[in-house]
């Protein structure tokens, strides 16, 4: 039986993908996942990315708005962490659509691809 997603779910997933579609935000997610579960303070993220604090704030706000990032205050520091529950939900959607429903991607391929570098749109390895 074909699983149906309601429009609200589809819109939410599209918004989550869009939020991670900007290169700086994808890098933020990578950094936060690397630092999981403790997370990183904003200054460490800023230093790693080399972007102005106002630009970082914009990107973090977008990720928070889509519930991809959580923030907690400890004394004078804001700690950012990846919302792994939301990411698991998003991956579950992809898995259901790509791997179980129509077998566009074989489930075994996903584990094998974990460490491989993929070709970028211009044909260069990334």
N, C-alpha and C. Protein backbone atom coordinates (compact mmCIF):
# COMPACT_ATOMS: atom_id res chain seq x y z
N UNK A 1 0.83 -1.17 0.00
CA UNK A 1 0.00 0.00 0.00
C UNK A 1 0.88 1.24 0.00
N UNK A 2 0.56 2.20 -0.79
CA UNK A 2 1.32 3.44 -0.92
C UNK A 2 1.04 4.34 0.28
N UNK A 3 2.13 4.78 0.94
CA UNK A 3 1.97 5.67 2.07
C UNK A 3 1.75 7.08 1.56
N UNK A 4 0.78 7.76 2.12
CA UNK A 4 0.46 9.13 1.73
C UNK A 4 0.94 10.09 2.81
N UNK A 5 1.56 11.16 2.39
CA UNK A 5 1.96 12.20 3.32
C UNK A 5 1.00 13.36 3.15
N UNK A 6 0.59 13.92 4.26
CA UNK A 6 -0.32 15.05 4.15
C UNK A 6 0.46 16.28 3.71
N UNK A 7 -0.23 17.28 3.17
CA UNK A 7 0.46 18.48 2.66
C UNK A 7 1.30 19.19 3.71
N UNK A 8 0.83 19.18 4.97
CA UNK A 8 1.61 19.84 6.01
C UNK A 8 2.96 19.17 6.20
N UNK A 9 2.98 17.83 6.19
CA UNK A 9 4.25 17.11 6.31
C UNK A 9 5.13 17.40 5.11
N UNK A 10 4.57 17.34 3.92
CA UNK A 10 5.36 17.59 2.72
C UNK A 10 5.94 18.99 2.73
N UNK A 11 5.14 19.97 3.13
CA UNK A 11 5.63 21.35 3.22
C UNK A 11 6.74 21.47 4.26
N UNK A 12 6.56 20.80 5.38
CA UNK A 12 7.58 20.86 6.44
C UNK A 12 8.89 20.28 5.95
N UNK A 13 8.83 19.12 5.30
CA UNK A 13 10.06 18.50 4.79
C UNK A 13 10.71 19.38 3.73
N UNK A 14 9.92 19.97 2.87
CA UNK A 14 10.47 20.86 1.84
C UNK A 14 11.17 22.05 2.49
N UNK A 15 10.56 22.61 3.53
CA UNK A 15 11.17 23.74 4.24
C UNK A 15 12.47 23.32 4.93
N UNK A 16 12.50 22.12 5.48
CA UNK A 16 13.71 21.64 6.13
C UNK A 16 14.84 21.45 5.11
N UNK A 17 14.50 20.86 3.97
CA UNK A 17 15.51 20.71 2.92
C UNK A 17 15.99 22.07 2.43
N UNK A 18 15.06 23.00 2.26
CA UNK A 18 15.43 24.34 1.79
C UNK A 18 16.37 25.02 2.78
N UNK A 19 16.10 24.84 4.07
CA UNK A 19 16.96 25.45 5.09
C UNK A 19 18.38 24.93 5.01
N UNK A 20 18.53 23.66 4.70
CA UNK A 20 19.87 23.08 4.60
C UNK A 20 20.45 23.24 3.20
N UNK A 21 19.69 23.83 2.30
CA UNK A 21 20.13 23.97 0.92
C UNK A 21 21.16 25.06 0.70
N UNK A 22 21.33 25.94 1.67
CA UNK A 22 22.36 26.97 1.58
C UNK A 22 23.65 26.41 2.15
N UNK A 23 24.74 26.59 1.44
CA UNK A 23 26.02 25.99 1.82
C UNK A 23 26.44 26.33 3.26
N UNK A 24 26.32 27.58 3.72
CA UNK A 24 26.73 27.85 5.11
C UNK A 24 25.87 27.09 6.13
N UNK A 25 24.58 26.95 5.85
CA UNK A 25 23.72 26.23 6.79
C UNK A 25 24.01 24.74 6.78
N UNK A 26 24.34 24.20 5.63
CA UNK A 26 24.73 22.79 5.58
C UNK A 26 26.03 22.58 6.36
N UNK A 27 26.95 23.51 6.25
CA UNK A 27 28.20 23.42 7.02
C UNK A 27 27.94 23.51 8.51
N UNK A 28 27.00 24.38 8.90
CA UNK A 28 26.62 24.49 10.31
C UNK A 28 26.09 23.15 10.80
N UNK A 29 25.22 22.53 10.02
CA UNK A 29 24.67 21.23 10.41
C UNK A 29 25.77 20.19 10.55
N UNK A 30 26.72 20.19 9.63
CA UNK A 30 27.84 19.25 9.71
C UNK A 30 28.64 19.48 10.99
N UNK A 31 28.93 20.74 11.29
CA UNK A 31 29.68 21.06 12.51
C UNK A 31 28.92 20.59 13.76
N UNK A 32 27.63 20.88 13.80
CA UNK A 32 26.84 20.52 14.98
C UNK A 32 26.70 19.01 15.13
N UNK A 33 26.60 18.31 14.03
CA UNK A 33 26.53 16.85 14.12
C UNK A 33 27.86 16.27 14.57
N UNK A 34 28.96 16.88 14.15
CA UNK A 34 30.27 16.44 14.59
C UNK A 34 30.44 16.67 16.09
N UNK A 35 29.84 17.74 16.60
CA UNK A 35 29.96 18.08 18.02
C UNK A 35 28.82 17.51 18.87
N UNK A 36 28.01 16.66 18.29
CA UNK A 36 26.85 16.11 19.00
C UNK A 36 27.30 15.14 20.09
N UNK A 37 26.74 15.12 21.26
CA UNK A 37 25.53 15.82 21.67
C UNK A 37 25.77 17.16 22.37
N UNK A 38 27.02 17.48 22.69
CA UNK A 38 27.29 18.71 23.43
C UNK A 38 26.93 19.95 22.64
N UNK A 39 27.26 19.98 21.36
CA UNK A 39 26.99 21.15 20.54
C UNK A 39 28.16 22.12 20.56
N UNK A 40 27.91 23.28 20.01
CA UNK A 40 28.94 24.32 19.92
C UNK A 40 28.35 25.67 20.31
N UNK A 41 29.21 26.53 20.84
CA UNK A 41 28.78 27.90 21.09
C UNK A 41 28.88 28.67 19.77
N UNK A 42 28.11 29.73 19.68
CA UNK A 42 28.03 30.50 18.44
C UNK A 42 29.41 30.98 17.99
N UNK A 43 30.24 31.40 18.92
CA UNK A 43 31.57 31.89 18.57
C UNK A 43 32.43 30.84 17.90
N UNK A 44 32.32 29.60 18.35
CA UNK A 44 33.09 28.52 17.72
C UNK A 44 32.60 28.24 16.30
N UNK A 45 31.29 28.30 16.11
CA UNK A 45 30.73 28.11 14.77
C UNK A 45 31.21 29.24 13.86
N UNK A 46 31.16 30.46 14.38
CA UNK A 46 31.59 31.63 13.61
C UNK A 46 33.06 31.51 13.22
N UNK A 47 33.90 31.13 14.16
CA UNK A 47 35.33 30.98 13.86
C UNK A 47 35.58 29.93 12.79
N UNK A 48 34.86 28.83 12.88
CA UNK A 48 35.03 27.74 11.92
C UNK A 48 34.60 28.16 10.51
N UNK A 49 33.50 28.89 10.43
CA UNK A 49 32.98 29.30 9.12
C UNK A 49 33.63 30.57 8.59
N UNK A 50 34.15 31.40 9.49
CA UNK A 50 34.76 32.65 9.06
C UNK A 50 33.76 33.64 8.49
N UNK A 51 32.59 33.73 9.11
CA UNK A 51 31.56 34.66 8.64
C UNK A 51 31.21 35.65 9.75
N UNK A 52 30.67 36.82 9.39
CA UNK A 52 30.28 37.79 10.41
C UNK A 52 29.19 37.24 11.33
N UNK A 53 29.15 37.75 12.56
CA UNK A 53 28.17 37.25 13.53
C UNK A 53 26.73 37.49 13.07
N UNK A 54 26.49 38.60 12.38
CA UNK A 54 25.12 38.87 11.90
C UNK A 54 24.70 37.84 10.85
N UNK A 55 25.63 37.43 10.00
CA UNK A 55 25.34 36.42 8.98
C UNK A 55 25.09 35.07 9.65
N UNK A 56 25.93 34.74 10.63
CA UNK A 56 25.74 33.49 11.36
C UNK A 56 24.39 33.48 12.05
N UNK A 57 24.03 34.58 12.68
CA UNK A 57 22.75 34.68 13.37
C UNK A 57 21.59 34.41 12.42
N UNK A 58 21.67 34.97 11.22
CA UNK A 58 20.63 34.74 10.20
C UNK A 58 20.51 33.25 9.88
N UNK A 59 21.64 32.60 9.66
CA UNK A 59 21.63 31.18 9.30
C UNK A 59 21.12 30.32 10.46
N UNK A 60 21.55 30.63 11.67
CA UNK A 60 21.09 29.86 12.83
C UNK A 60 19.59 30.06 13.05
N UNK A 61 19.11 31.28 12.85
CA UNK A 61 17.67 31.54 13.00
C UNK A 61 16.86 30.72 12.01
N UNK A 62 17.33 30.63 10.78
CA UNK A 62 16.62 29.84 9.77
C UNK A 62 16.59 28.37 10.17
N UNK A 63 17.71 27.83 10.63
CA UNK A 63 17.76 26.43 11.05
C UNK A 63 16.89 26.19 12.29
N UNK A 64 16.87 27.15 13.22
CA UNK A 64 16.01 27.03 14.40
C UNK A 64 14.54 27.07 13.99
N UNK A 65 14.20 27.96 13.07
CA UNK A 65 12.81 28.09 12.62
C UNK A 65 12.30 26.79 12.03
N UNK A 66 13.16 26.04 11.37
CA UNK A 66 12.76 24.76 10.78
C UNK A 66 12.97 23.60 11.74
N UNK A 67 13.31 23.91 13.00
CA UNK A 67 13.48 22.92 14.07
C UNK A 67 14.63 21.95 13.79
N UNK A 68 15.61 22.38 13.03
CA UNK A 68 16.78 21.55 12.75
C UNK A 68 17.87 21.75 13.79
N UNK A 69 17.80 22.88 14.50
CA UNK A 69 18.81 23.24 15.50
C UNK A 69 18.09 23.66 16.77
N UNK A 70 18.67 23.27 17.89
CA UNK A 70 18.16 23.70 19.19
C UNK A 70 19.22 24.56 19.86
N UNK A 71 18.76 25.44 20.73
CA UNK A 71 19.69 26.32 21.43
C UNK A 71 19.39 26.27 22.92
N UNK A 72 20.44 26.30 23.72
CA UNK A 72 20.28 26.37 25.16
C UNK A 72 21.27 27.40 25.71
N UNK A 73 20.85 28.07 26.76
CA UNK A 73 21.71 29.07 27.39
C UNK A 73 22.37 28.46 28.61
N UNK A 74 23.69 28.62 28.67
CA UNK A 74 24.45 28.25 29.86
C UNK A 74 25.27 29.47 30.25
N UNK A 75 24.85 30.10 31.33
CA UNK A 75 25.47 31.34 31.79
C UNK A 75 25.37 32.39 30.68
N UNK A 76 26.50 32.82 30.15
CA UNK A 76 26.46 33.85 29.10
C UNK A 76 26.60 33.27 27.70
N UNK A 77 26.64 31.95 27.59
CA UNK A 77 26.86 31.31 26.29
C UNK A 77 25.59 30.69 25.75
N UNK A 78 25.43 30.78 24.44
CA UNK A 78 24.37 30.08 23.74
C UNK A 78 24.99 28.87 23.06
N UNK A 79 24.51 27.69 23.42
CA UNK A 79 24.99 26.44 22.85
C UNK A 79 23.98 25.96 21.82
N UNK A 80 24.48 25.63 20.64
CA UNK A 80 23.64 25.15 19.55
C UNK A 80 23.91 23.66 19.34
N UNK A 81 22.82 22.90 19.17
CA UNK A 81 22.93 21.47 18.90
C UNK A 81 22.02 21.12 17.73
N UNK A 82 22.41 20.10 17.00
CA UNK A 82 21.56 19.58 15.93
C UNK A 82 20.37 18.86 16.56
N UNK A 83 19.20 19.07 16.01
CA UNK A 83 18.00 18.36 16.47
C UNK A 83 17.96 17.03 15.74
N UNK A 84 18.56 16.02 16.35
CA UNK A 84 18.67 14.73 15.69
C UNK A 84 17.32 14.05 15.51
N UNK A 85 16.34 14.37 16.35
CA UNK A 85 15.00 13.80 16.17
C UNK A 85 14.41 14.28 14.84
N UNK A 86 14.54 15.58 14.57
CA UNK A 86 14.01 16.12 13.31
C UNK A 86 14.77 15.55 12.11
N UNK A 87 16.08 15.40 12.25
CA UNK A 87 16.87 14.83 11.15
C UNK A 87 16.50 13.37 10.91
N UNK A 88 16.26 12.62 11.97
CA UNK A 88 15.84 11.22 11.80
C UNK A 88 14.48 11.15 11.11
N UNK A 89 13.59 12.06 11.45
CA UNK A 89 12.28 12.10 10.78
C UNK A 89 12.45 12.38 9.29
N UNK A 90 13.31 13.34 8.98
CA UNK A 90 13.55 13.70 7.58
C UNK A 90 14.19 12.54 6.82
N UNK A 91 15.16 11.88 7.44
CA UNK A 91 15.78 10.72 6.81
C UNK A 91 14.79 9.57 6.66
N UNK A 92 13.90 9.43 7.63
CA UNK A 92 12.87 8.40 7.53
C UNK A 92 11.96 8.64 6.35
N UNK A 93 11.63 9.89 6.10
CA UNK A 93 10.82 10.25 4.94
C UNK A 93 11.55 9.86 3.66
N UNK A 94 12.82 10.23 3.56
CA UNK A 94 13.60 9.88 2.36
C UNK A 94 13.71 8.37 2.19
N UNK A 95 13.96 7.69 3.29
CA UNK A 95 14.11 6.24 3.23
C UNK A 95 12.81 5.60 2.74
N UNK A 96 11.69 6.04 3.29
CA UNK A 96 10.40 5.48 2.90
C UNK A 96 10.11 5.73 1.43
N UNK A 97 10.43 6.92 0.96
CA UNK A 97 10.13 7.27 -0.43
C UNK A 97 11.11 6.64 -1.41
N UNK A 98 12.37 6.60 -1.07
CA UNK A 98 13.39 6.15 -2.03
C UNK A 98 13.71 4.67 -1.93
N UNK A 99 13.61 4.12 -0.76
CA UNK A 99 14.16 2.77 -0.56
C UNK A 99 13.12 1.70 -0.34
N UNK A 100 12.00 2.04 0.26
CA UNK A 100 11.04 0.98 0.55
C UNK A 100 9.87 0.97 -0.41
N UNK A 101 9.45 2.14 -0.83
CA UNK A 101 8.25 2.19 -1.66
C UNK A 101 8.53 1.78 -3.09
N UNK A 102 9.51 2.38 -3.72
CA UNK A 102 9.74 2.08 -5.13
C UNK A 102 11.14 1.57 -5.43
N UNK A 103 11.95 1.37 -4.41
CA UNK A 103 13.30 0.81 -4.56
C UNK A 103 14.18 1.63 -5.51
N UNK A 104 14.00 2.93 -5.53
CA UNK A 104 14.86 3.77 -6.36
C UNK A 104 16.31 3.68 -5.90
N UNK A 105 16.50 3.52 -4.61
CA UNK A 105 17.82 3.32 -4.02
C UNK A 105 17.72 2.07 -3.16
N UNK A 106 18.63 1.14 -3.36
CA UNK A 106 18.63 -0.08 -2.55
C UNK A 106 19.12 0.26 -1.14
N UNK A 107 18.43 -0.21 -0.11
CA UNK A 107 18.83 0.11 1.26
C UNK A 107 20.30 -0.20 1.56
N UNK A 108 20.83 -1.28 1.04
CA UNK A 108 22.23 -1.63 1.28
C UNK A 108 23.20 -0.61 0.73
N UNK A 109 22.80 0.12 -0.28
CA UNK A 109 23.67 1.13 -0.88
C UNK A 109 23.92 2.29 0.07
N UNK A 110 22.96 2.58 0.93
CA UNK A 110 23.10 3.73 1.82
C UNK A 110 24.27 3.57 2.77
N UNK A 111 24.42 2.41 3.36
CA UNK A 111 25.54 2.18 4.28
C UNK A 111 26.86 2.22 3.53
N UNK A 112 26.89 1.66 2.34
CA UNK A 112 28.12 1.64 1.56
C UNK A 112 28.52 3.03 1.11
N UNK A 113 27.56 3.92 0.93
CA UNK A 113 27.85 5.27 0.45
C UNK A 113 28.31 6.19 1.56
N UNK A 114 28.18 5.79 2.80
CA UNK A 114 28.47 6.66 3.93
C UNK A 114 29.78 7.40 3.86
N UNK A 115 30.85 6.76 3.47
CA UNK A 115 32.15 7.41 3.44
C UNK A 115 32.61 7.83 2.06
N UNK A 116 31.82 7.55 1.03
CA UNK A 116 32.24 7.88 -0.33
C UNK A 116 32.03 9.34 -0.63
N UNK A 117 32.90 9.86 -1.45
CA UNK A 117 32.74 11.22 -1.94
C UNK A 117 31.94 11.14 -3.23
N UNK A 118 31.01 12.06 -3.36
CA UNK A 118 30.17 12.05 -4.55
C UNK A 118 30.67 13.09 -5.54
N UNK A 119 30.25 12.93 -6.78
CA UNK A 119 30.60 13.92 -7.79
C UNK A 119 29.67 15.11 -7.66
N UNK A 120 30.23 16.28 -7.78
CA UNK A 120 29.41 17.48 -7.74
C UNK A 120 28.76 17.67 -9.10
N UNK A 121 27.91 18.69 -9.19
CA UNK A 121 27.19 18.93 -10.42
C UNK A 121 28.11 19.21 -11.60
N UNK A 122 29.30 19.74 -11.34
CA UNK A 122 30.20 20.04 -12.45
C UNK A 122 31.15 18.88 -12.76
N UNK A 123 30.93 17.74 -12.09
CA UNK A 123 31.71 16.55 -12.39
C UNK A 123 32.95 16.36 -11.53
N UNK A 124 33.28 17.34 -10.70
CA UNK A 124 34.44 17.22 -9.82
C UNK A 124 34.06 16.45 -8.57
N UNK A 125 35.00 15.71 -8.04
CA UNK A 125 34.74 15.02 -6.77
C UNK A 125 34.71 16.05 -5.66
N UNK A 126 33.76 15.85 -4.74
CA UNK A 126 33.67 16.79 -3.62
C UNK A 126 34.15 16.14 -2.35
